[in-house]
Structure formats: C-alpha cells, structure tokens
C-alpha atoms as a PDB file:
ATOM      1  CA  MET A   1     160.879  44.985-182.449  1.00  0.00           C
ATOM      2  CA  THR A   2     164.469  45.349-183.583  1.00  0.00           C
ATOM      3  CA  ARG A   3     165.539  48.980-183.899  1.00  0.00           C
ATOM      4  CA  PHE A   4     168.708  50.049-185.608  1.00  0.00           C
ATOM      5  CA  THR A   5     170.339  53.139-186.967  1.00  0.00           C
ATOM      6  CA  VAL A   6     171.750  52.781-190.455  1.00  0.00           C
ATOM      7  CA  SER A   7     175.506  53.137-190.312  1.00  0.00           C
ATOM      8  CA  VAL A   8     177.380  56.082-191.768  1.00  0.00           C
ATOM      9  CA  ALA A   9     180.406  55.323-193.899  1.00  0.00           C
ATOM     10  CA  ALA A  10     183.072  57.915-194.705  1.00  0.00           C
ATOM     11  CA  ALA A  11     181.730  59.943-197.632  1.00  0.00           C
ATOM     12  CA  PHE A  12     178.552  57.886-198.042  1.00  0.00           C
ATOM     13  CA  VAL A  13     175.842  59.106-195.705  1.00  0.00           C
ATOM     14  CA  VAL A  14     172.582  57.197-195.400  1.00  0.00           C
ATOM     15  CA  SER A  15     170.869  58.162-192.170  1.00  0.00           C
ATOM     16  CA  ALA A  16     167.647  56.893-190.648  1.00  0.00           C
ATOM     17  CA  VAL A  17     166.143  54.976-187.787  1.00  0.00           C
ATOM     18  CA  VAL A  18     164.302  51.942-189.112  1.00  0.00           C
ATOM     19  CA  CYS A  19     161.971  49.644-187.154  1.00  0.00           C
ATOM     20  CA  LEU A  20     161.934  46.002-188.272  1.00  0.00           C
ATOM     21  CA  SER A  21     159.753  43.091-187.278  1.00  0.00           C
ATOM     22  CA  ALA A  22     161.362  40.446-185.070  1.00  0.00           C
ATOM     23  CA  GLN A  23     161.506  37.895-187.864  1.00  0.00           C
ATOM     24  CA  THR A  24     162.768  39.275-191.180  1.00  0.00           C
ATOM     25  CA  PRO A  25     162.396  37.101-194.311  1.00  0.00           C
ATOM     26  CA  ARG A  26     165.177  36.166-196.685  1.00  0.00           C
ATOM     27  CA  VAL A  27     163.992  38.854-199.104  1.00  0.00           C
ATOM     28  CA  PHE A  28     164.225  42.250-197.441  1.00  0.00           C
ATOM     29  CA  GLN A  29     163.080  45.594-198.869  1.00  0.00           C
ATOM     30  CA  PHE A  30     163.785  49.179-197.886  1.00  0.00           C
ATOM     31  CA  VAL A  31     163.444  52.587-199.534  1.00  0.00           C
ATOM     32  CA  VAL A  32     166.296  54.975-200.292  1.00  0.00           C
ATOM     33  CA  SER A  33     165.989  58.704-200.898  1.00  0.00           C
ATOM     34  CA  ALA A  34     169.342  59.867-202.275  1.00  0.00           C
ATOM     35  CA  SER A  35     170.672  63.353-203.025  1.00  0.00           C
ATOM     36  CA  ASP A  36     173.715  64.515-204.962  1.00  0.00           C
ATOM     37  CA  ALA A  37     176.347  67.006-203.822  1.00  0.00           C
ATOM     38  CA  THR A  38     174.057  69.942-204.699  1.00  0.00           C
ATOM     39  CA  GLY A  39     171.205  68.524-202.593  1.00  0.00           C
ATOM     40  CA  ALA A  40     169.117  67.606-205.639  1.00  0.00           C
ATOM     41  CA  PRO A  41     167.262  64.254-205.513  1.00  0.00           C
ATOM     42  CA  VAL A  42     168.942  61.503-207.512  1.00  0.00           C
ATOM     43  CA  ALA A  43     166.778  60.115-210.314  1.00  0.00           C
ATOM     44  CA  ASP A  44     168.970  57.234-211.525  1.00  0.00           C
ATOM     45  CA  LEU A  45     170.003  55.108-208.538  1.00  0.00           C
ATOM     46  CA  ARG A  46     171.295  51.689-209.646  1.00  0.00           C
ATOM     47  CA  SER A  47     171.812  48.330-207.949  1.00  0.00           C
ATOM     48  CA  GLU A  48     175.557  48.845-207.794  1.00  0.00           C
ATOM     49  CA  ASP A  49     175.037  52.172-205.977  1.00  0.00           C
ATOM     50  CA  VAL A  50     173.517  50.503-202.885  1.00  0.00           C
ATOM     51  CA  LEU A  51     175.480  48.254-200.534  1.00  0.00           C
ATOM     52  CA  MET A  52     173.964  46.274-197.684  1.00  0.00           C
ATOM     53  CA  SER A  53     175.774  43.980-195.282  1.00  0.00           C
ATOM     54  CA  GLU A  54     174.991  42.004-192.122  1.00  0.00           C
ATOM     55  CA  ASN A  55     177.734  41.244-189.625  1.00  0.00           C
ATOM     56  CA  GLY A  56     180.162  42.496-192.262  1.00  0.00           C
ATOM     57  CA  VAL A  57     178.903  40.043-194.917  1.00  0.00           C
ATOM     58  CA  ARG A  58     177.738  41.645-198.159  1.00  0.00           C
ATOM     59  CA  GLN A  59     174.145  40.828-199.135  1.00  0.00           C
ATOM     60  CA  GLN A  60     172.912  40.675-202.717  1.00  0.00           C
ATOM     61  CA  VAL A  61     170.942  43.656-204.023  1.00  0.00           C
ATOM     62  CA  VAL A  62     168.673  42.117-206.647  1.00  0.00           C
ATOM     63  CA  LYS A  63     166.509  45.057-207.642  1.00  0.00           C
ATOM     64  CA  VAL A  64     166.313  48.852-207.416  1.00  0.00           C
ATOM     65  CA  GLU A  65     163.075  50.366-208.712  1.00  0.00           C
ATOM     66  CA  ALA A  66     161.700  53.898-208.727  1.00  0.00           C
ATOM     67  CA  LEU A  67     159.105  54.706-206.075  1.00  0.00           C
ATOM     68  CA  ALA A  68     157.064  57.931-206.046  1.00  0.00           C
ATOM     69  CA  ILE A  69     154.950  58.942-203.060  1.00  0.00           C
ATOM     70  CA  PRO A  70     153.745  62.463-203.905  1.00  0.00           C
ATOM     71  CA  MET A  71     152.657  65.070-201.393  1.00  0.00           C
ATOM     72  CA  LYS A  72     149.061  66.346-201.316  1.00  0.00           C
ATOM     73  CA  LEU A  73     148.494  69.606-199.458  1.00  0.00           C
ATOM     74  CA  THR A  74     145.377  70.763-197.638  1.00  0.00           C
ATOM     75  CA  ILE A  75     145.341  74.406-196.502  1.00  0.00           C
ATOM     76  CA  ALA A  76     142.937  75.358-193.712  1.00  0.00           C
ATOM     77  CA  VAL A  77     142.637  79.082-193.058  1.00  0.00           C
ATOM     78  CA  ASP A  78     140.803  80.996-190.315  1.00  0.00           C
ATOM     79  CA  ASN A  79     138.243  83.353-191.844  1.00  0.00           C
ATOM     80  CA  GLY A  80     136.477  84.106-188.563  1.00  0.00           C
ATOM     81  CA  LEU A  81     135.726  87.213-186.544  1.00  0.00           C
ATOM     82  CA  ASP A  82     139.333  88.178-185.825  1.00  0.00           C
ATOM     83  CA  SER A  83     140.694  87.632-189.334  1.00  0.00           C
ATOM     84  CA  GLY A  84     139.599  90.877-190.967  1.00  0.00           C
ATOM     85  CA  ASP A  85     142.851  92.771-190.401  1.00  0.00           C
ATOM     86  CA  ALA A  86     144.902  89.741-191.392  1.00  0.00           C
ATOM     87  CA  LEU A  87     143.046  88.911-194.595  1.00  0.00           C
ATOM     88  CA  ALA A  88     145.412  90.750-196.946  1.00  0.00           C
ATOM     89  CA  HIS A  89     148.388  89.062-195.296  1.00  0.00           C
ATOM     90  CA  TYR A  90     146.686  85.647-195.617  1.00  0.00           C
ATOM     91  CA  ARG A  91     146.220  86.237-199.317  1.00  0.00           C
ATOM     92  CA  ALA A  92     149.766  87.469-199.938  1.00  0.00           C
ATOM     93  CA  GLY A  93     151.346  84.633-197.968  1.00  0.00           C
ATOM     94  CA  LEU A  94     149.193  81.860-199.386  1.00  0.00           C
ATOM     95  CA  THR A  95     149.690  83.153-202.936  1.00  0.00           C
ATOM     96  CA  GLY A  96     153.463  82.985-202.420  1.00  0.00           C
ATOM     97  CA  LEU A  97     153.179  79.507-200.932  1.00  0.00           C
ATOM     98  CA  VAL A  98     151.104  78.172-203.836  1.00  0.00           C
ATOM     99  CA  GLU A  99     153.451  79.724-206.385  1.00  0.00           C
ATOM    100  CA  ALA A 100     156.443  78.087-204.648  1.00  0.00           C
ATOM    101  CA  LEU A 101     154.998  74.587-205.079  1.00  0.00           C
ATOM    102  CA  PRO A 102     155.484  72.421-208.173  1.00  0.00           C
ATOM    103  CA  ARG A 103     152.451  72.380-210.428  1.00  0.00           C
ATOM    104  CA  ASP A 104     151.882  68.670-209.919  1.00  0.00           C
ATOM    105  CA  VAL A 105     151.147  69.131-206.193  1.00  0.00           C
ATOM    106  CA  GLU A 106     147.439  68.694-205.498  1.00  0.00           C
ATOM    107  CA  ILE A 107     146.041  71.413-203.216  1.00  0.00           C
ATOM    108  CA  THR A 108     142.772  71.659-201.278  1.00  0.00           C
ATOM    109  CA  LEU A 109     141.636  74.922-199.650  1.00  0.00           C
ATOM    110  CA  ILE A 110     139.353  74.967-196.592  1.00  0.00           C
ATOM    111  CA  THR A 111     138.047  77.834-194.483  1.00  0.00           C
ATOM    112  CA  THR A 112     137.267  77.173-190.813  1.00  0.00           C
ATOM    113  CA  ALA A 113     134.419  79.605-189.974  1.00  0.00           C
ATOM    114  CA  PRO A 114     131.557  79.160-189.278  1.00  0.00           C
ATOM    115  CA  GLN A 115     132.449  75.504-189.920  1.00  0.00           C
ATOM    116  CA  PRO A 116     135.063  73.683-192.002  1.00  0.00           C
ATOM    117  CA  ARG A 117     134.091  74.422-195.607  1.00  0.00           C
ATOM    118  CA  MET A 118     135.859  73.378-198.795  1.00  0.00           C
ATOM    119  CA  VAL A 119     136.557  76.443-200.931  1.00  0.00           C
ATOM    120  CA  VAL A 120     138.677  74.629-203.542  1.00  0.00           C
ATOM    121  CA  LYS A 121     138.307  70.897-204.012  1.00  0.00           C
ATOM    122  CA  PRO A 122     141.521  68.884-204.564  1.00  0.00           C
ATOM    123  CA  SER A 123     143.105  70.415-207.649  1.00  0.00           C
ATOM    124  CA  THR A 124     146.372  71.113-209.452  1.00  0.00           C
ATOM    125  CA  ASN A 125     144.822  74.019-211.383  1.00  0.00           C
ATOM    126  CA  ARG A 126     146.794  77.016-210.118  1.00  0.00           C
ATOM    127  CA  THR A 127     144.328  79.541-211.518  1.00  0.00           C
ATOM    128  CA  GLN A 128     141.473  77.894-209.650  1.00  0.00           C
ATOM    129  CA  ILE A 129     143.479  77.593-206.432  1.00  0.00           C
ATOM    130  CA  LEU A 130     144.643  81.212-206.459  1.00  0.00           C
ATOM    131  CA  ARG A 131     141.103  82.352-207.226  1.00  0.00           C
ATOM    132  CA  GLY A 132     140.035  80.530-204.076  1.00  0.00           C
ATOM    133  CA  VAL A 133     142.860  82.062-202.021  1.00  0.00           C
ATOM    134  CA  ASN A 134     141.827  85.544-203.088  1.00  0.00           C
ATOM    135  CA  GLY A 135     138.086  84.958-203.039  1.00  0.00           C
ATOM    136  CA  PHE A 136     136.993  83.743-199.613  1.00  0.00           C
ATOM    137  CA  ALA A 137     135.443  86.242-197.202  1.00  0.00           C
ATOM    138  CA  THR A 138     135.533  86.679-193.439  1.00  0.00           C
ATOM    139  CA  GLU A 139     132.552  85.477-191.413  1.00  0.00           C
ATOM    140  CA  GLN A 140     130.956  86.861-188.255  1.00  0.00           C
ATOM    141  CA  ALA A 141     131.655  83.592-186.465  1.00  0.00           C
ATOM    142  CA  ARG A 142     134.360  81.901-184.464  1.00  0.00           C
ATOM    143  CA  PRO A 143     136.764  79.577-186.303  1.00  0.00           C
ATOM    144  CA  ARG A 144     136.598  75.823-185.780  1.00  0.00           C
ATOM    145  CA  PHE A 145     140.299  75.053-185.692  1.00  0.00           C
ATOM    146  CA  SER A 146     140.099  71.795-183.726  1.00  0.00           C
ATOM    147  CA  ASP A 147     137.019  70.562-185.591  1.00  0.00           C
ATOM    148  CA  THR A 148     138.829  71.141-188.879  1.00  0.00           C
ATOM    149  CA  LEU A 149     141.752  69.007-187.705  1.00  0.00           C
ATOM    150  CA  VAL A 150     139.404  66.200-186.645  1.00  0.00           C
ATOM    151  CA  GLU A 151     137.439  66.405-189.903  1.00  0.00           C
ATOM    152  CA  TYR A 152     140.672  66.213-191.920  1.00  0.00           C
ATOM    153  CA  SER A 153     141.711  63.083-190.034  1.00  0.00           C
ATOM    154  CA  GLU A 154     138.281  61.503-190.563  1.00  0.00           C
ATOM    155  CA  ARG A 155     138.412  62.286-194.275  1.00  0.00           C
ATOM    156  CA  LEU A 156     141.721  60.425-194.543  1.00  0.00           C
ATOM    157  CA  GLN A 157     140.254  57.480-192.636  1.00  0.00           C
ATOM    158  CA  HIS A 158     137.546  57.071-195.281  1.00  0.00           C
ATOM    159  CA  GLU A 159     139.990  56.938-198.195  1.00  0.00           C
ATOM    160  CA  PRO A 160     140.872  53.626-199.875  1.00  0.00           C
ATOM    161  CA  ASN A 161     143.735  51.844-198.124  1.00  0.00           C
ATOM    162  CA  ASP A 162     145.776  51.517-201.317  1.00  0.00           C
ATOM    163  CA  LEU A 163     146.238  55.276-201.853  1.00  0.00           C
ATOM    164  CA  ARG A 164     149.942  56.068-201.517  1.00  0.00           C
ATOM    165  CA  TYR A 165     150.699  59.733-200.979  1.00  0.00           C
ATOM    166  CA  LEU A 166     151.982  61.985-198.209  1.00  0.00           C
ATOM    167  CA  PRO A 167     149.113  63.990-196.654  1.00  0.00           C
ATOM    168  CA  VAL A 168     150.156  67.442-195.427  1.00  0.00           C
ATOM    169  CA  LEU A 169     147.817  69.798-193.561  1.00  0.00           C
ATOM    170  CA  LEU A 170     148.775  73.474-193.251  1.00  0.00           C
ATOM    171  CA  MET A 171     146.636  75.434-190.778  1.00  0.00           C
ATOM    172  CA  VAL A 172     146.707  79.229-190.552  1.00  0.00           C
ATOM    173  CA  SER A 173     144.725  80.713-187.676  1.00  0.00           C
ATOM    174  CA  THR A 174     144.323  83.669-185.392  1.00  0.00           C
ATOM    175  CA  ALA A 175     144.625  83.061-181.670  1.00  0.00           C
ATOM    176  CA  GLY A 176     141.069  84.289-181.048  1.00  0.00           C
ATOM    177  CA  VAL A 177     138.585  82.117-179.193  1.00  0.00           C
ATOM    178  CA  GLU A 178     137.471  79.163-181.286  1.00  0.00           C
ATOM    179  CA  THR A 179     134.211  77.217-181.355  1.00  0.00           C
ATOM    180  CA  ARG A 180     134.729  73.518-180.780  1.00  0.00           C
ATOM    181  CA  SER A 181     132.387  70.532-181.036  1.00  0.00           C
ATOM    182  CA  ASP A 182     134.997  67.804-180.631  1.00  0.00           C
ATOM    183  CA  GLN A 183     136.212  66.777-177.198  1.00  0.00           C
ATOM    184  CA  PRO A 184     139.907  66.353-176.235  1.00  0.00           C
ATOM    185  CA  LYS A 185     139.699  62.556-176.610  1.00  0.00           C
ATOM    186  CA  GLU A 186     138.359  62.934-180.144  1.00  0.00           C
ATOM    187  CA  ILE A 187     141.185  65.318-180.987  1.00  0.00           C
ATOM    188  CA  GLU A 188     143.738  62.893-179.551  1.00  0.00           C
ATOM    189  CA  ARG A 189     142.275  60.035-181.604  1.00  0.00           C
ATOM    190  CA  ALA A 190     142.364  62.186-184.727  1.00  0.00           C
ATOM    191  CA  VAL A 191     146.031  63.045-184.161  1.00  0.00           C
ATOM    192  CA  ALA A 192     146.864  59.392-183.452  1.00  0.00           C
ATOM    193  CA  TYR A 193     145.411  58.421-186.824  1.00  0.00           C
ATOM    194  CA  LEU A 194     147.362  61.174-188.572  1.00  0.00           C
ATOM    195  CA  VAL A 195     150.548  59.754-187.046  1.00  0.00           C
ATOM    196  CA  ALA A 196     149.643  56.234-188.220  1.00  0.00           C
ATOM    197  CA  ARG A 197     148.859  57.588-191.704  1.00  0.00           C
ATOM    198  CA  HIS A 198     152.263  59.354-191.887  1.00  0.00           C
ATOM    199  CA  ALA A 199     150.495  62.704-192.286  1.00  0.00           C
ATOM    200  CA  LYS A 200     152.239  65.953-191.379  1.00  0.00           C
ATOM    201  CA  VAL A 201     150.510  68.878-189.686  1.00  0.00           C
ATOM    202  CA  ASN A 202     151.995  72.370-189.960  1.00  0.00           C
ATOM    203  CA  ALA A 203     150.398  75.305-188.170  1.00  0.00           C
ATOM    204  CA  ILE A 204     150.794  79.059-187.816  1.00  0.00           C
ATOM    205  CA  VAL A 205     148.855  80.889-185.095  1.00  0.00           C
ATOM    206  CA  VAL A 206     148.776  84.698-185.097  1.00  0.00           C
ATOM    207  CA  THR A 207     148.062  86.633-181.909  1.00  0.00           C
ATOM    208  CA  THR A 208     145.164  89.068-181.945  1.00  0.00           C
ATOM    209  CA  ARG A 209     146.495  91.106-179.034  1.00  0.00           C
ATOM    210  CA  LEU A 210     147.972  94.555-179.539  1.00  0.00           C
ATOM    211  CA  GLY A 211     151.420  95.216-178.165  1.00  0.00           C
ATOM    212  CA  ASN A 212     155.063  94.610-178.845  1.00  0.00           C
ATOM    213  CA  ALA A 213     155.298  93.310-182.403  1.00  0.00           C
ATOM    214  CA  THR A 214     158.452  91.382-181.547  1.00  0.00           C
ATOM    215  CA  ARG A 215     156.612  89.165-179.048  1.00  0.00           C
ATOM    216  CA  THR A 216     153.824  86.625-179.158  1.00  0.00           C
ATOM    217  CA  PRO A 217     152.056  87.426-175.858  1.00  0.00           C
ATOM    218  CA  GLY A 218     150.113  84.363-174.760  1.00  0.00           C
ATOM    219  CA  VAL A 219     149.743  82.991-178.287  1.00  0.00           C
ATOM    220  CA  ASP A 220     151.226  79.601-177.399  1.00  0.00           C
ATOM    221  CA  SER A 221     148.711  79.120-174.575  1.00  0.00           C
ATOM    222  CA  THR A 222     145.544  79.650-176.633  1.00  0.00           C
ATOM    223  CA  GLU A 223     143.238  76.758-177.507  1.00  0.00           C
ATOM    224  CA  GLN A 224     144.362  76.685-181.130  1.00  0.00           C
ATOM    225  CA  SER A 225     148.040  76.728-180.215  1.00  0.00           C
ATOM    226  CA  ILE A 226     147.716  73.940-177.657  1.00  0.00           C
ATOM    227  CA  VAL A 227     146.045  71.706-180.254  1.00  0.00           C
ATOM    228  CA  ALA A 228     148.486  72.842-182.954  1.00  0.00           C
ATOM    229  CA  LEU A 229     151.517  72.094-180.785  1.00  0.00           C
ATOM    230  CA  LEU A 230     150.136  68.620-180.005  1.00  0.00           C
ATOM    231  CA  ALA A 231     149.480  67.821-183.665  1.00  0.00           C
ATOM    232  CA  THR A 232     152.667  69.296-185.135  1.00  0.00           C
ATOM    233  CA  LYS A 233     154.916  67.629-182.577  1.00  0.00           C
ATOM    234  CA  ALA A 234     153.249  64.229-182.969  1.00  0.00           C
ATOM    235  CA  THR A 235     153.469  64.310-186.770  1.00  0.00           C
ATOM    236  CA  SER A 236     156.949  65.892-187.012  1.00  0.00           C
ATOM    237  CA  GLY A 237     155.433  69.010-188.534  1.00  0.00           C
ATOM    238  CA  ARG A 238     156.131  72.692-187.912  1.00  0.00           C
ATOM    239  CA  TYR A 239     154.550  75.245-185.609  1.00  0.00           C
ATOM    240  CA  GLU A 240     155.002  78.996-185.501  1.00  0.00           C
ATOM    241  CA  GLY A 241     153.384  81.560-183.204  1.00  0.00           C
ATOM    242  CA  LEU A 242     153.377  85.051-184.697  1.00  0.00           C
ATOM    243  CA  ALA A 243     153.010  88.469-183.085  1.00  0.00           C
ATOM    244  CA  ALA A 244     151.981  90.126-186.347  1.00  0.00           C
ATOM    245  CA  SER A 245     150.062  88.770-189.333  1.00  0.00           C
ATOM    246  CA  SER A 246     152.283  90.771-191.713  1.00  0.00           C
ATOM    247  CA  ARG A 247     154.956  88.094-191.237  1.00  0.00           C
ATOM    248  CA  LEU A 248     152.725  85.651-193.145  1.00  0.00           C
ATOM    249  CA  ALA A 249     153.616  87.361-196.419  1.00  0.00           C
ATOM    250  CA  THR A 250     157.191  86.082-196.159  1.00  0.00           C
ATOM    251  CA  LEU A 251     156.820  83.045-193.867  1.00  0.00           C
ATOM    252  CA  LEU A 252     154.286  81.142-195.961  1.00  0.00           C
ATOM    253  CA  PRO A 253     156.371  81.311-199.169  1.00  0.00           C
ATOM    254  CA  GLU A 254     159.339  80.033-197.119  1.00  0.00           C
ATOM    255  CA  TRP A 255     157.256  77.091-195.977  1.00  0.00           C
ATOM    256  CA  GLY A 256     156.119  76.604-199.568  1.00  0.00           C
ATOM    257  CA  ARG A 257     159.715  76.212-200.734  1.00  0.00           C
ATOM    258  CA  ASP A 258     160.400  73.697-197.965  1.00  0.00           C
ATOM    259  CA  LEU A 259     157.289  71.707-198.901  1.00  0.00           C
ATOM    260  CA  ALA A 260     158.372  71.790-202.544  1.00  0.00           C
ATOM    261  CA  ALA A 261     161.721  70.275-201.547  1.00  0.00           C
ATOM    262  CA  LEU A 262     159.971  67.572-199.525  1.00  0.00           C
ATOM    263  CA  HIS A 263     157.701  66.731-202.459  1.00  0.00           C
ATOM    264  CA  ALA A 264     160.717  66.514-204.781  1.00  0.00           C
ATOM    265  CA  ARG A 265     162.366  63.999-202.440  1.00  0.00           C
ATOM    266  CA  GLN A 266     159.160  62.025-201.973  1.00  0.00           C
ATOM    267  CA  ILE A 267     158.616  61.451-205.696  1.00  0.00           C
ATOM    268  CA  LYS A 268     162.219  60.457-206.452  1.00  0.00           C
ATOM    269  CA  GLN A 269     162.842  57.467-204.206  1.00  0.00           C
ATOM    270  CA  PHE A 270     163.876  53.896-204.824  1.00  0.00           C
ATOM    271  CA  ARG A 271     162.666  50.610-203.398  1.00  0.00           C
ATOM    272  CA  VAL A 272     165.643  48.306-202.891  1.00  0.00           C
ATOM    273  CA  THR A 273     165.189  44.533-202.761  1.00  0.00           C
ATOM    274  CA  VAL A 274     167.909  42.484-201.071  1.00  0.00           C
ATOM    275  CA  GLU A 275     168.237  38.706-201.089  1.00  0.00           C
ATOM    276  CA  ARG A 276     169.740  37.871-197.704  1.00  0.00           C
ATOM    277  CA  SER A 277     172.039  34.937-197.115  1.00  0.00           C
ATOM    278  CA  ARG A 278     169.986  33.936-194.061  1.00  0.00           C
ATOM    279  CA  GLY A 279     166.561  34.532-192.536  1.00  0.00           C
ATOM    280  CA  GLY A 280     165.588  35.649-189.059  1.00  0.00           C
ATOM    281  CA  ASP A 281     166.496  38.857-187.301  1.00  0.00           C
ATOM    282  CA  LEU A 282     168.752  41.332-189.062  1.00  0.00           C
ATOM    283  CA  GLN A 283     172.247  41.134-187.613  1.00  0.00           C
ATOM    284  CA  SER A 284     174.226  44.394-187.416  1.00  0.00           C
ATOM    285  CA  PRO A 285     172.865  45.717-190.715  1.00  0.00           C
ATOM    286  CA  ARG A 286     174.797  48.376-192.584  1.00  0.00           C
ATOM    287  CA  ILE A 287     173.527  50.289-195.610  1.00  0.00           C
ATOM    288  CA  GLU A 288     175.819  52.480-197.708  1.00  0.00           C
ATOM    289  CA  LEU A 289     175.792  54.383-200.973  1.00  0.00           C
ATOM    290  CA  ALA A 290     178.685  53.406-203.215  1.00  0.00           C
ATOM    291  CA  ARG A 291     178.454  56.284-205.681  1.00  0.00           C
ATOM    292  CA  PRO A 292     180.728  59.146-204.541  1.00  0.00           C
ATOM    293  CA  GLY A 293     179.024  62.365-203.498  1.00  0.00           C
ATOM    294  CA  LEU A 294     175.648  60.872-202.634  1.00  0.00           C
ATOM    295  CA  THR A 295     173.883  61.230-199.309  1.00  0.00           C
ATOM    296  CA  GLY A 296     170.491  59.930-198.367  1.00  0.00           C
ATOM    297  CA  ALA A 297     167.905  58.544-195.974  1.00  0.00           C
ATOM    298  CA  VAL A 298     166.488  55.055-195.549  1.00  0.00           C
ATOM    299  CA  THR A 299     162.917  54.161-194.609  1.00  0.00           C
ATOM    300  CA  LEU A 300     160.871  51.001-194.828  1.00  0.00           C
ATOM    301  CA  ASP A 301     157.840  52.575-196.445  1.00  0.00           C
ATOM    302  CA  GLY A 302     158.984  55.666-198.351  1.00  0.00           C
ATOM    303  CA  TYR A 303     157.505  58.234-195.951  1.00  0.00           C
ATOM    304  CA  LEU A 304     160.351  60.587-195.165  1.00  0.00           C
ATOM    305  CA  PRO A 305     160.730  62.112-191.698  1.00  0.00           C
END
C-alpha cells in the first residue's frame, strides 16, 4: 500500500491520510469535504475549485459531483437495576440530544435490560422518538452492554452491501455489573467489523458508587468501560466516564450538536474524478482547494474521520 498525507498549501487546507492501492488507474477518484471560513459545509464545489498534481504536474479534474453519506444513529440505553436514580437524567439528556439533531437523521432507540430490545424502530419521526425516550421503564435485571454492541454489529452485517450511510452507535450505561452472553473473542470480532464498516461507537458510562462527585472512582475499570474503551478507540468514537448521572443532561445535548455537525459534513461532500497523465503508483500527489477561504478533508470513500 502507498500511504500519503495530502499536502497543505498556504491558505488552502485539505488534510487527510489516504491509503491507495499499489497500482492506481489512469482515472482516479477521491472525496472532498470542504468548509467555508465560518466552518459551514460548502454545497457548490466546482471543478475549478479542486487542484491535483503529481510530481508538480497538474492533473485534469474532469468531474466534481455531489456525494451524500448520511448518518444513522442508534441509541442504546441501560435500563437495568442501577438505572432508577439516573432515569430522569437519561430522559433529559437524550431529549436534548434528539432535539439537537437535524430532522432528517434516522434514529433507533434500544434498551439493554433484560436483553437488547428495540423501543423505537428506525425513524425520523421526532414525536415517536421522544415518546420512546420518555416511555421506557427500568427492569429488575442486569444490562447487557456487551451483547448489545455485538448485536448491533451483527445487524449491520446482515444489511445489503450497497447501503451507503455512516452508522453511529451511542451507548449510555451505568457501571453496574452487566450480564454477558458473548465471549471476548466475539466482542473483538464485532468491533473489527464495525471498524471495517466505518461505524463509530460513542459511549458514556456512569459510576454507581457514592462519593466525591468530581471523580469517577473505578468507572474506567468496569466491564462496560473496558468494552466501551476498546470500541470507541477502534472506531475513532468518544468515551466519557461520569461520576454523576446529572451531567448527562448537558453532556448528551453537546454530543448531539457534534453529531449534527458530522452529519452536515457527511451529506455535503463531493466525489472528484481526475484523469491522470500516467498510470501506476501515485507520485508525490498534492491536492489543494483553489477557492480562497476554503478548508477541507480528503477521503477515498466519503467516510470522514
């Protein structure tokens, strides 16, 4: 594999690390996500806005076409034995998160006790989703955090190969003891598939221990946190260990705004087709944006880091 970092030119910033096959054909394609000076995604990128060169020789950009890869969000929330005191904070935080997302984002809601159970099927209906957020009850059972992660991965594996969207899993859990059917190897395989599928896992684990509210005593060493740290790191997602569930009321809306920004970038991208002057390996490639004030990122497939 040939690995290169797209060059940065003066005021035109296009940053990414792109992996290319050893033999690259004469026609080469890549995807650009561009933003203006305010940080807003650019919706009108043109052929003359993109410059590509090899060994200092300008290559011909023959086509720039819009490419949308929307985000679909699955929320998995712990409704087990230790969630009673946190339930109001779950509801407040998840309501703020849902309200922060654009209305075209499809959302699925799952509870994890006594087993992974779909509360709201994939939907963009905000009334239905918020009814689900405020309607599930706690169960006298342990959550199945790890099993939920594995089941999510398996569900993606059974989807048609031609579906193009960014899968995002957001898991909210207490740090209480979980029930687990899947073995470590099965969890590792599930995470490996999520990486291959370009999915992102985000997780928040809340300690159930009483004590200093400014600390997270032992939360990062619980079973859920160990699995969450593995999955979030592998998929370039986010992890947060909390000492108090009350923080969910403000943290989840913050994450919602960040996910909204990611979705906005994902659906306003451009596939660029370049007709190279020669075949074979790319030689010192350089990609720039010619329109002043634009910055951006380059990928081969449109799945942003």
